N, C-alpha and C. Protein backbone atom coordinates (compact mmCIF):
# COMPACT_ATOMS: atom_id res chain seq x y z
N MET A 1 -24.16 -95.45 -189.17
CA MET A 1 -23.84 -96.39 -190.21
C MET A 1 -25.10 -97.08 -190.68
N LEU A 2 -25.29 -97.08 -191.94
CA LEU A 2 -26.44 -97.77 -192.52
C LEU A 2 -25.95 -99.02 -193.23
N ASP A 3 -26.71 -100.07 -193.07
CA ASP A 3 -26.37 -101.28 -193.82
C ASP A 3 -27.60 -101.71 -194.61
N SER A 4 -27.50 -102.82 -195.27
CA SER A 4 -28.57 -103.24 -196.17
C SER A 4 -29.83 -103.66 -195.43
N THR A 5 -29.74 -103.98 -194.15
CA THR A 5 -30.91 -104.45 -193.41
C THR A 5 -31.59 -103.34 -192.63
N GLY A 6 -31.15 -102.10 -192.76
CA GLY A 6 -31.77 -101.01 -192.05
C GLY A 6 -30.76 -100.30 -191.17
N SER A 7 -31.24 -99.38 -190.36
CA SER A 7 -30.33 -98.62 -189.51
C SER A 7 -29.82 -99.51 -188.38
N GLN A 8 -28.78 -99.00 -187.75
CA GLN A 8 -28.19 -99.74 -186.64
C GLN A 8 -29.19 -99.84 -185.49
N GLU A 9 -29.97 -98.81 -185.27
CA GLU A 9 -30.96 -98.82 -184.20
C GLU A 9 -32.02 -99.89 -184.44
N GLU A 10 -32.49 -100.01 -185.67
CA GLU A 10 -33.48 -101.05 -185.98
C GLU A 10 -32.89 -102.43 -185.76
N ARG A 11 -31.65 -102.60 -186.16
CA ARG A 11 -31.00 -103.90 -185.97
C ARG A 11 -30.86 -104.23 -184.48
N LEU A 12 -30.50 -103.24 -183.67
CA LEU A 12 -30.39 -103.46 -182.23
C LEU A 12 -31.75 -103.78 -181.62
N ASN A 13 -32.81 -103.12 -182.08
CA ASN A 13 -34.15 -103.43 -181.58
C ASN A 13 -34.54 -104.86 -181.91
N ARG A 14 -34.19 -105.30 -183.10
CA ARG A 14 -34.50 -106.69 -183.46
C ARG A 14 -33.72 -107.67 -182.59
N LEU A 15 -32.48 -107.31 -182.24
CA LEU A 15 -31.69 -108.18 -181.38
C LEU A 15 -32.22 -108.19 -179.96
N ARG A 16 -32.72 -107.07 -179.48
CA ARG A 16 -33.22 -106.98 -178.11
C ARG A 16 -34.55 -107.70 -177.93
N MET A 17 -35.44 -107.56 -178.87
CA MET A 17 -36.78 -108.12 -178.73
C MET A 17 -37.01 -109.16 -179.82
N PRO A 18 -36.73 -110.41 -179.52
CA PRO A 18 -36.95 -111.44 -180.53
C PRO A 18 -38.44 -111.62 -180.79
N GLU A 19 -38.76 -111.94 -182.01
CA GLU A 19 -40.15 -112.18 -182.36
C GLU A 19 -40.43 -113.66 -182.26
N TYR A 20 -41.36 -114.01 -181.40
CA TYR A 20 -41.72 -115.41 -181.22
C TYR A 20 -42.91 -115.72 -182.11
N PRO A 21 -42.87 -116.88 -182.78
CA PRO A 21 -44.02 -117.24 -183.62
C PRO A 21 -45.22 -117.58 -182.76
N SER A 22 -46.40 -117.40 -183.33
CA SER A 22 -47.62 -117.71 -182.59
C SER A 22 -47.78 -119.22 -182.47
N GLN A 23 -48.64 -119.61 -181.58
CA GLN A 23 -48.90 -121.04 -181.35
C GLN A 23 -49.43 -121.71 -182.61
N ALA A 24 -50.26 -120.99 -183.35
CA ALA A 24 -50.82 -121.53 -184.59
C ALA A 24 -49.72 -121.77 -185.62
N GLU A 25 -48.76 -120.83 -185.70
CA GLU A 25 -47.65 -121.01 -186.63
C GLU A 25 -46.79 -122.22 -186.26
N VAL A 26 -46.55 -122.37 -184.98
CA VAL A 26 -45.74 -123.50 -184.51
C VAL A 26 -46.44 -124.81 -184.84
N ARG A 27 -47.74 -124.88 -184.59
CA ARG A 27 -48.48 -126.11 -184.89
C ARG A 27 -48.50 -126.39 -186.39
N ALA A 28 -48.72 -125.36 -187.20
CA ALA A 28 -48.75 -125.54 -188.65
C ALA A 28 -47.39 -126.01 -189.16
N ARG A 29 -46.30 -125.43 -188.64
CA ARG A 29 -44.97 -125.84 -189.05
C ARG A 29 -44.69 -127.29 -188.64
N HIS A 30 -45.15 -127.64 -187.45
CA HIS A 30 -44.97 -129.02 -186.98
C HIS A 30 -45.76 -129.99 -187.85
N ARG A 31 -47.00 -129.64 -188.15
CA ARG A 31 -47.84 -130.50 -188.98
C ARG A 31 -47.21 -130.71 -190.36
N ARG A 32 -46.69 -129.62 -190.95
CA ARG A 32 -46.01 -129.75 -192.25
C ARG A 32 -44.78 -130.64 -192.14
N ALA A 33 -44.01 -130.47 -191.08
CA ALA A 33 -42.79 -131.28 -190.90
C ALA A 33 -43.14 -132.75 -190.73
N VAL A 34 -44.21 -133.04 -189.99
CA VAL A 34 -44.62 -134.44 -189.80
C VAL A 34 -45.00 -135.04 -191.15
N TRP A 35 -45.76 -134.32 -191.94
CA TRP A 35 -46.17 -134.85 -193.25
C TRP A 35 -44.96 -135.01 -194.18
N GLN A 36 -44.04 -134.06 -194.14
CA GLN A 36 -42.90 -134.12 -195.05
C GLN A 36 -41.87 -135.17 -194.63
N GLN A 37 -41.69 -135.36 -193.34
CA GLN A 37 -40.61 -136.23 -192.87
C GLN A 37 -41.06 -137.61 -192.42
N ILE A 38 -42.35 -137.78 -192.11
CA ILE A 38 -42.81 -139.09 -191.62
C ILE A 38 -43.87 -139.69 -192.52
N VAL A 39 -45.01 -139.03 -192.61
CA VAL A 39 -46.14 -139.59 -193.34
C VAL A 39 -45.85 -139.71 -194.83
N GLY A 40 -45.29 -138.68 -195.43
CA GLY A 40 -45.01 -138.70 -196.86
C GLY A 40 -44.08 -139.83 -197.28
N PRO A 41 -42.88 -139.95 -196.66
CA PRO A 41 -42.00 -141.04 -197.06
C PRO A 41 -42.58 -142.44 -196.83
N VAL A 42 -43.30 -142.62 -195.72
CA VAL A 42 -43.90 -143.94 -195.45
C VAL A 42 -44.99 -144.24 -196.48
N ALA A 43 -45.82 -143.26 -196.77
CA ALA A 43 -46.89 -143.46 -197.76
C ALA A 43 -46.29 -143.71 -199.15
N LEU A 44 -45.24 -143.00 -199.50
CA LEU A 44 -44.59 -143.20 -200.79
C LEU A 44 -44.01 -144.61 -200.89
N ALA A 45 -43.33 -145.06 -199.84
CA ALA A 45 -42.75 -146.41 -199.85
C ALA A 45 -43.85 -147.46 -199.93
N ALA A 46 -44.94 -147.28 -199.18
CA ALA A 46 -46.05 -148.23 -199.24
C ALA A 46 -46.67 -148.25 -200.63
N GLY A 47 -46.85 -147.10 -201.23
CA GLY A 47 -47.40 -147.03 -202.59
C GLY A 47 -46.52 -147.73 -203.61
N VAL A 48 -45.21 -147.50 -203.52
CA VAL A 48 -44.27 -148.15 -204.43
C VAL A 48 -44.33 -149.67 -204.25
N MET A 49 -44.38 -150.13 -202.99
CA MET A 49 -44.45 -151.58 -202.76
C MET A 49 -45.73 -152.18 -203.32
N ILE A 50 -46.84 -151.49 -203.18
CA ILE A 50 -48.11 -152.01 -203.72
C ILE A 50 -48.06 -152.05 -205.25
N VAL A 51 -47.54 -151.00 -205.85
CA VAL A 51 -47.44 -150.96 -207.32
C VAL A 51 -46.54 -152.09 -207.82
N VAL A 52 -45.39 -152.28 -207.19
CA VAL A 52 -44.46 -153.36 -207.60
C VAL A 52 -45.13 -154.71 -207.44
N LEU A 53 -45.85 -154.93 -206.34
CA LEU A 53 -46.53 -156.20 -206.11
C LEU A 53 -47.58 -156.45 -207.19
N VAL A 54 -48.38 -155.45 -207.51
CA VAL A 54 -49.41 -155.60 -208.54
C VAL A 54 -48.76 -155.89 -209.90
N LEU A 55 -47.68 -155.18 -210.23
CA LEU A 55 -46.98 -155.43 -211.49
C LEU A 55 -46.39 -156.85 -211.54
N MET A 56 -45.87 -157.32 -210.42
CA MET A 56 -45.32 -158.68 -210.38
C MET A 56 -46.42 -159.72 -210.58
N VAL A 57 -47.57 -159.52 -209.94
CA VAL A 57 -48.68 -160.46 -210.10
C VAL A 57 -49.15 -160.50 -211.55
N LEU A 58 -49.21 -159.36 -212.18
CA LEU A 58 -49.66 -159.30 -213.57
C LEU A 58 -48.61 -159.83 -214.55
N ALA A 59 -47.33 -159.62 -214.26
CA ALA A 59 -46.28 -159.95 -215.23
C ALA A 59 -45.82 -161.40 -215.14
N PHE A 60 -45.86 -162.01 -213.97
CA PHE A 60 -45.30 -163.35 -213.80
C PHE A 60 -46.38 -164.40 -213.67
N SER A 61 -45.99 -165.63 -214.01
CA SER A 61 -46.89 -166.77 -213.79
C SER A 61 -46.88 -167.09 -212.30
N PRO A 62 -47.87 -167.87 -211.83
CA PRO A 62 -47.89 -168.21 -210.41
C PRO A 62 -46.61 -168.90 -209.93
N ARG A 63 -46.03 -169.75 -210.77
CA ARG A 63 -44.80 -170.45 -210.38
C ARG A 63 -43.64 -169.45 -210.24
N GLN A 64 -43.50 -168.56 -211.21
CA GLN A 64 -42.45 -167.55 -211.15
C GLN A 64 -42.64 -166.62 -209.94
N PHE A 65 -43.90 -166.26 -209.71
CA PHE A 65 -44.20 -165.41 -208.55
C PHE A 65 -43.82 -166.10 -207.25
N GLY A 66 -44.08 -167.42 -207.14
CA GLY A 66 -43.70 -168.18 -205.95
C GLY A 66 -42.19 -168.21 -205.75
N ILE A 67 -41.44 -168.39 -206.83
CA ILE A 67 -39.98 -168.40 -206.73
C ILE A 67 -39.46 -167.04 -206.26
N ILE A 68 -40.00 -165.98 -206.84
CA ILE A 68 -39.57 -164.63 -206.45
C ILE A 68 -39.96 -164.36 -204.99
N ALA A 69 -41.16 -164.80 -204.58
CA ALA A 69 -41.59 -164.60 -203.20
C ALA A 69 -40.66 -165.34 -202.23
N ASN A 70 -40.25 -166.57 -202.59
CA ASN A 70 -39.33 -167.32 -201.74
C ASN A 70 -37.98 -166.60 -201.65
N PHE A 71 -37.49 -166.09 -202.78
CA PHE A 71 -36.22 -165.37 -202.77
C PHE A 71 -36.32 -164.11 -201.91
N MET A 72 -37.43 -163.39 -202.03
CA MET A 72 -37.63 -162.18 -201.22
C MET A 72 -37.69 -162.53 -199.73
N SER A 73 -38.30 -163.68 -199.42
CA SER A 73 -38.32 -164.12 -198.02
C SER A 73 -36.91 -164.33 -197.50
N LEU A 74 -36.06 -164.92 -198.36
CA LEU A 74 -34.66 -165.09 -197.96
C LEU A 74 -33.98 -163.74 -197.71
N LEU A 75 -34.27 -162.79 -198.59
CA LEU A 75 -33.67 -161.46 -198.42
C LEU A 75 -34.10 -160.79 -197.13
N ILE A 76 -35.28 -161.14 -196.64
CA ILE A 76 -35.76 -160.57 -195.38
C ILE A 76 -35.25 -161.39 -194.19
N LEU A 77 -35.30 -162.73 -194.31
CA LEU A 77 -34.97 -163.58 -193.18
C LEU A 77 -33.48 -163.64 -192.85
N VAL A 78 -32.62 -163.63 -193.86
CA VAL A 78 -31.18 -163.74 -193.59
C VAL A 78 -30.68 -162.56 -192.75
N PRO A 79 -30.98 -161.32 -193.08
CA PRO A 79 -30.54 -160.23 -192.19
C PRO A 79 -31.18 -160.31 -190.80
N ALA A 80 -32.45 -160.73 -190.76
CA ALA A 80 -33.11 -160.84 -189.46
C ALA A 80 -32.43 -161.89 -188.59
N VAL A 81 -32.06 -163.03 -189.20
CA VAL A 81 -31.37 -164.08 -188.45
C VAL A 81 -30.02 -163.57 -187.97
N LEU A 82 -29.29 -162.88 -188.83
CA LEU A 82 -27.99 -162.35 -188.43
C LEU A 82 -28.13 -161.33 -187.31
N ILE A 83 -29.14 -160.48 -187.43
CA ILE A 83 -29.35 -159.48 -186.39
C ILE A 83 -29.74 -160.14 -185.07
N CYS A 84 -30.50 -161.23 -185.12
CA CYS A 84 -30.90 -161.92 -183.89
C CYS A 84 -29.80 -162.87 -183.39
N LEU A 85 -28.99 -163.37 -184.30
CA LEU A 85 -27.97 -164.33 -183.93
C LEU A 85 -26.84 -163.69 -183.13
N VAL A 86 -26.46 -162.48 -183.49
CA VAL A 86 -25.36 -161.82 -182.78
C VAL A 86 -25.70 -161.59 -181.30
N PRO A 87 -26.87 -161.05 -180.96
CA PRO A 87 -27.19 -160.92 -179.53
C PRO A 87 -27.31 -162.28 -178.84
N TYR A 88 -27.81 -163.29 -179.55
CA TYR A 88 -27.92 -164.62 -178.96
C TYR A 88 -26.55 -165.16 -178.61
N VAL A 89 -25.60 -165.05 -179.53
CA VAL A 89 -24.23 -165.51 -179.25
C VAL A 89 -23.63 -164.72 -178.10
N ALA A 90 -23.88 -163.42 -178.07
CA ALA A 90 -23.37 -162.59 -176.97
C ALA A 90 -23.95 -163.05 -175.64
N LEU A 91 -25.24 -163.41 -175.62
CA LEU A 91 -25.84 -163.90 -174.38
C LEU A 91 -25.24 -165.23 -173.96
N VAL A 92 -24.98 -166.12 -174.91
CA VAL A 92 -24.37 -167.41 -174.58
C VAL A 92 -22.97 -167.20 -174.02
N VAL A 93 -22.20 -166.30 -174.62
CA VAL A 93 -20.85 -166.02 -174.11
C VAL A 93 -20.93 -165.41 -172.71
N LEU A 94 -21.85 -164.48 -172.50
CA LEU A 94 -22.03 -163.90 -171.16
C LEU A 94 -22.44 -164.96 -170.15
N PHE A 95 -23.31 -165.88 -170.55
CA PHE A 95 -23.73 -166.95 -169.65
C PHE A 95 -22.55 -167.83 -169.28
N ALA A 96 -21.72 -168.21 -170.27
CA ALA A 96 -20.56 -169.04 -169.98
C ALA A 96 -19.59 -168.30 -169.06
N GLY A 97 -19.36 -167.02 -169.33
CA GLY A 97 -18.47 -166.24 -168.46
C GLY A 97 -19.02 -166.10 -167.06
N THR A 98 -20.32 -165.91 -166.95
CA THR A 98 -20.95 -165.80 -165.63
C THR A 98 -20.84 -167.11 -164.88
N ARG A 99 -21.01 -168.23 -165.57
CA ARG A 99 -20.88 -169.54 -164.92
C ARG A 99 -19.47 -169.75 -164.39
N LYS A 100 -18.45 -169.44 -165.23
CA LYS A 100 -17.07 -169.59 -164.78
C LYS A 100 -16.80 -168.68 -163.58
N LEU A 101 -17.30 -167.45 -163.64
CA LEU A 101 -17.12 -166.52 -162.54
C LEU A 101 -17.81 -167.04 -161.28
N TYR A 102 -19.00 -167.59 -161.44
CA TYR A 102 -19.75 -168.14 -160.31
C TYR A 102 -19.00 -169.30 -159.66
N LEU A 103 -18.39 -170.15 -160.49
CA LEU A 103 -17.63 -171.29 -159.94
C LEU A 103 -16.32 -170.84 -159.30
N TRP A 104 -15.75 -169.72 -159.75
CA TRP A 104 -14.47 -169.24 -159.24
C TRP A 104 -14.64 -168.44 -157.96
N ILE A 105 -15.77 -167.72 -157.82
CA ILE A 105 -15.96 -166.78 -156.72
C ILE A 105 -16.15 -167.42 -155.34
N PRO A 106 -16.87 -168.54 -155.17
CA PRO A 106 -17.16 -168.98 -153.81
C PRO A 106 -15.93 -169.11 -152.91
N SER A 107 -14.81 -169.65 -153.40
CA SER A 107 -13.64 -169.77 -152.55
C SER A 107 -13.13 -168.37 -152.17
N ARG A 108 -13.18 -167.43 -153.10
CA ARG A 108 -12.74 -166.06 -152.81
C ARG A 108 -13.70 -165.40 -151.82
N LEU A 109 -14.98 -165.69 -151.97
CA LEU A 109 -15.96 -165.10 -151.06
C LEU A 109 -15.80 -165.63 -149.64
N ARG A 110 -15.51 -166.93 -149.50
CA ARG A 110 -15.30 -167.49 -148.15
C ARG A 110 -14.12 -166.81 -147.48
N ALA A 111 -13.03 -166.62 -148.23
CA ALA A 111 -11.85 -165.96 -147.67
C ALA A 111 -12.17 -164.51 -147.30
N ALA A 112 -12.86 -163.81 -148.19
CA ALA A 112 -13.22 -162.42 -147.92
C ALA A 112 -14.16 -162.33 -146.72
N ARG A 113 -15.11 -163.26 -146.63
CA ARG A 113 -16.04 -163.27 -145.49
C ARG A 113 -15.30 -163.50 -144.19
N ALA A 114 -14.32 -164.40 -144.19
CA ALA A 114 -13.54 -164.66 -142.97
C ALA A 114 -12.74 -163.42 -142.56
N VAL A 115 -12.13 -162.76 -143.53
CA VAL A 115 -11.35 -161.56 -143.21
C VAL A 115 -12.27 -160.46 -142.67
N ILE A 116 -13.42 -160.26 -143.31
CA ILE A 116 -14.34 -159.23 -142.85
C ILE A 116 -14.88 -159.55 -141.45
N HIS A 117 -15.18 -160.82 -141.20
CA HIS A 117 -15.66 -161.22 -139.87
C HIS A 117 -14.60 -160.96 -138.81
N GLN A 118 -13.36 -161.32 -139.11
CA GLN A 118 -12.27 -161.12 -138.15
C GLN A 118 -12.09 -159.63 -137.86
N SER A 119 -12.13 -158.79 -138.90
CA SER A 119 -11.98 -157.35 -138.68
C SER A 119 -13.16 -156.79 -137.90
N ASP A 120 -14.36 -157.34 -138.10
CA ASP A 120 -15.53 -156.93 -137.35
C ASP A 120 -15.38 -157.27 -135.87
N VAL A 121 -14.88 -158.48 -135.59
CA VAL A 121 -14.67 -158.90 -134.19
C VAL A 121 -13.65 -157.98 -133.51
N VAL A 122 -12.55 -157.68 -134.20
CA VAL A 122 -11.51 -156.82 -133.62
C VAL A 122 -12.07 -155.41 -133.39
N ALA A 123 -12.81 -154.87 -134.36
CA ALA A 123 -13.38 -153.53 -134.20
C ALA A 123 -14.37 -153.49 -133.04
N HIS A 124 -15.16 -154.55 -132.87
CA HIS A 124 -16.11 -154.60 -131.75
C HIS A 124 -15.37 -154.61 -130.42
N ARG A 125 -14.31 -155.41 -130.31
CA ARG A 125 -13.53 -155.48 -129.06
C ARG A 125 -12.87 -154.14 -128.75
N VAL A 126 -12.31 -153.50 -129.78
CA VAL A 126 -11.65 -152.21 -129.56
C VAL A 126 -12.68 -151.17 -129.14
N SER A 127 -13.83 -151.14 -129.77
CA SER A 127 -14.85 -150.15 -129.41
C SER A 127 -15.35 -150.37 -127.99
N ARG A 128 -15.51 -151.63 -127.60
CA ARG A 128 -15.94 -151.92 -126.21
C ARG A 128 -14.85 -151.49 -125.21
N ALA A 129 -13.59 -151.74 -125.56
CA ALA A 129 -12.49 -151.36 -124.66
C ALA A 129 -12.42 -149.85 -124.50
N ILE A 130 -12.77 -149.11 -125.53
CA ILE A 130 -12.72 -147.65 -125.45
C ILE A 130 -13.94 -147.10 -124.74
N THR A 131 -15.13 -147.63 -125.03
CA THR A 131 -16.35 -147.04 -124.49
C THR A 131 -16.70 -147.51 -123.08
N ASN A 132 -16.31 -148.71 -122.66
CA ASN A 132 -16.68 -149.21 -121.32
C ASN A 132 -16.19 -148.29 -120.20
N PRO A 133 -14.93 -147.85 -120.19
CA PRO A 133 -14.52 -146.94 -119.09
C PRO A 133 -15.29 -145.62 -119.11
N ILE A 134 -15.57 -145.08 -120.28
CA ILE A 134 -16.32 -143.82 -120.37
C ILE A 134 -17.73 -144.00 -119.83
N ILE A 135 -18.37 -145.11 -120.19
CA ILE A 135 -19.73 -145.38 -119.71
C ILE A 135 -19.72 -145.57 -118.20
N ALA A 136 -18.72 -146.31 -117.67
CA ALA A 136 -18.65 -146.54 -116.21
C ALA A 136 -18.47 -145.22 -115.47
N ILE A 137 -17.60 -144.36 -115.94
CA ILE A 137 -17.39 -143.06 -115.28
C ILE A 137 -18.67 -142.23 -115.36
N SER A 138 -19.34 -142.23 -116.50
CA SER A 138 -20.57 -141.46 -116.65
C SER A 138 -21.66 -141.98 -115.72
N GLN A 139 -21.76 -143.31 -115.55
CA GLN A 139 -22.77 -143.87 -114.64
C GLN A 139 -22.48 -143.46 -113.19
N ARG A 140 -21.22 -143.51 -112.79
CA ARG A 140 -20.87 -143.14 -111.40
C ARG A 140 -21.13 -141.66 -111.15
N LEU A 141 -20.79 -140.81 -112.12
CA LEU A 141 -21.07 -139.38 -111.96
C LEU A 141 -22.58 -139.12 -111.86
N ALA A 142 -23.36 -139.82 -112.64
CA ALA A 142 -24.81 -139.66 -112.56
C ALA A 142 -25.33 -140.11 -111.20
N TRP A 143 -24.77 -141.18 -110.65
CA TRP A 143 -25.20 -141.67 -109.32
C TRP A 143 -24.83 -140.67 -108.25
N ILE A 144 -23.62 -140.12 -108.33
CA ILE A 144 -23.18 -139.14 -107.33
C ILE A 144 -24.07 -137.89 -107.43
N GLU A 145 -24.40 -137.46 -108.61
CA GLU A 145 -25.28 -136.29 -108.77
C GLU A 145 -26.63 -136.53 -108.13
N ARG A 146 -27.15 -137.72 -108.31
CA ARG A 146 -28.46 -138.04 -107.76
C ARG A 146 -28.42 -138.07 -106.24
N VAL A 147 -27.35 -138.64 -105.68
CA VAL A 147 -27.26 -138.75 -104.22
C VAL A 147 -26.94 -137.41 -103.58
N VAL A 148 -25.98 -136.70 -104.08
CA VAL A 148 -25.50 -135.48 -103.46
C VAL A 148 -26.34 -134.27 -103.88
N GLY A 149 -26.77 -134.27 -105.09
CA GLY A 149 -27.46 -133.09 -105.62
C GLY A 149 -28.75 -132.84 -104.90
N ARG A 150 -29.17 -131.55 -104.88
CA ARG A 150 -30.43 -131.23 -104.21
C ARG A 150 -31.60 -131.58 -105.13
N LYS A 151 -32.71 -131.74 -104.51
CA LYS A 151 -33.90 -132.10 -105.25
C LYS A 151 -34.41 -130.90 -106.02
N GLN A 152 -34.89 -131.16 -107.16
CA GLN A 152 -35.47 -130.08 -107.95
C GLN A 152 -36.89 -129.85 -107.50
N ARG A 153 -37.24 -128.58 -107.42
CA ARG A 153 -38.61 -128.26 -107.07
C ARG A 153 -39.41 -128.18 -108.36
N PHE A 154 -40.56 -128.79 -108.29
CA PHE A 154 -41.44 -128.74 -109.46
C PHE A 154 -42.41 -127.59 -109.29
N LEU A 155 -42.52 -126.78 -110.29
CA LEU A 155 -43.44 -125.65 -110.25
C LEU A 155 -44.85 -126.15 -110.53
N PRO A 156 -45.81 -125.59 -109.83
CA PRO A 156 -47.20 -126.01 -110.13
C PRO A 156 -47.54 -125.61 -111.56
N MET A 157 -48.40 -126.40 -112.16
CA MET A 157 -48.79 -126.11 -113.52
C MET A 157 -49.58 -124.82 -113.59
N GLU A 158 -49.31 -124.05 -114.61
CA GLU A 158 -50.03 -122.81 -114.77
C GLU A 158 -51.45 -123.07 -115.22
N ARG A 159 -52.35 -122.29 -114.65
CA ARG A 159 -53.75 -122.40 -115.04
C ARG A 159 -54.04 -121.47 -116.17
N LYS A 160 -54.86 -121.91 -117.05
CA LYS A 160 -55.24 -121.04 -118.15
C LYS A 160 -56.51 -120.33 -117.90
């Protein structure tokens, strides 16, 4: 079967062995993308802002320019205040909630500490009651082994 892109064998070869671009091609493509997506738009915006500023200085009187500058400051500061105000209010609410939680927790913590301490005491007593007889039997067996058992002979150290 032949198709528009070549024979089936050629198509399979292309699928089997992908062609990787060279390092130089990758760098050139990256450099172009940086200029097109980062440097170009920033430079264009900066150029437009400078041109608008120069046109405003030339077209308006100093008083008019001052009024426009004050209005532009408002356009910048109001969103900045709103953006900063929301996290500030969130922090104040979190602080108030943390304070209420801090005042509510100590009585709960004392009760929890008492319960945990009591369970610790009971667990310690139970573990001692279980392990003491085993330890006593093990100690007596070790003593009997030492008394009854024969002495081990130590081999002289080998000389090199």
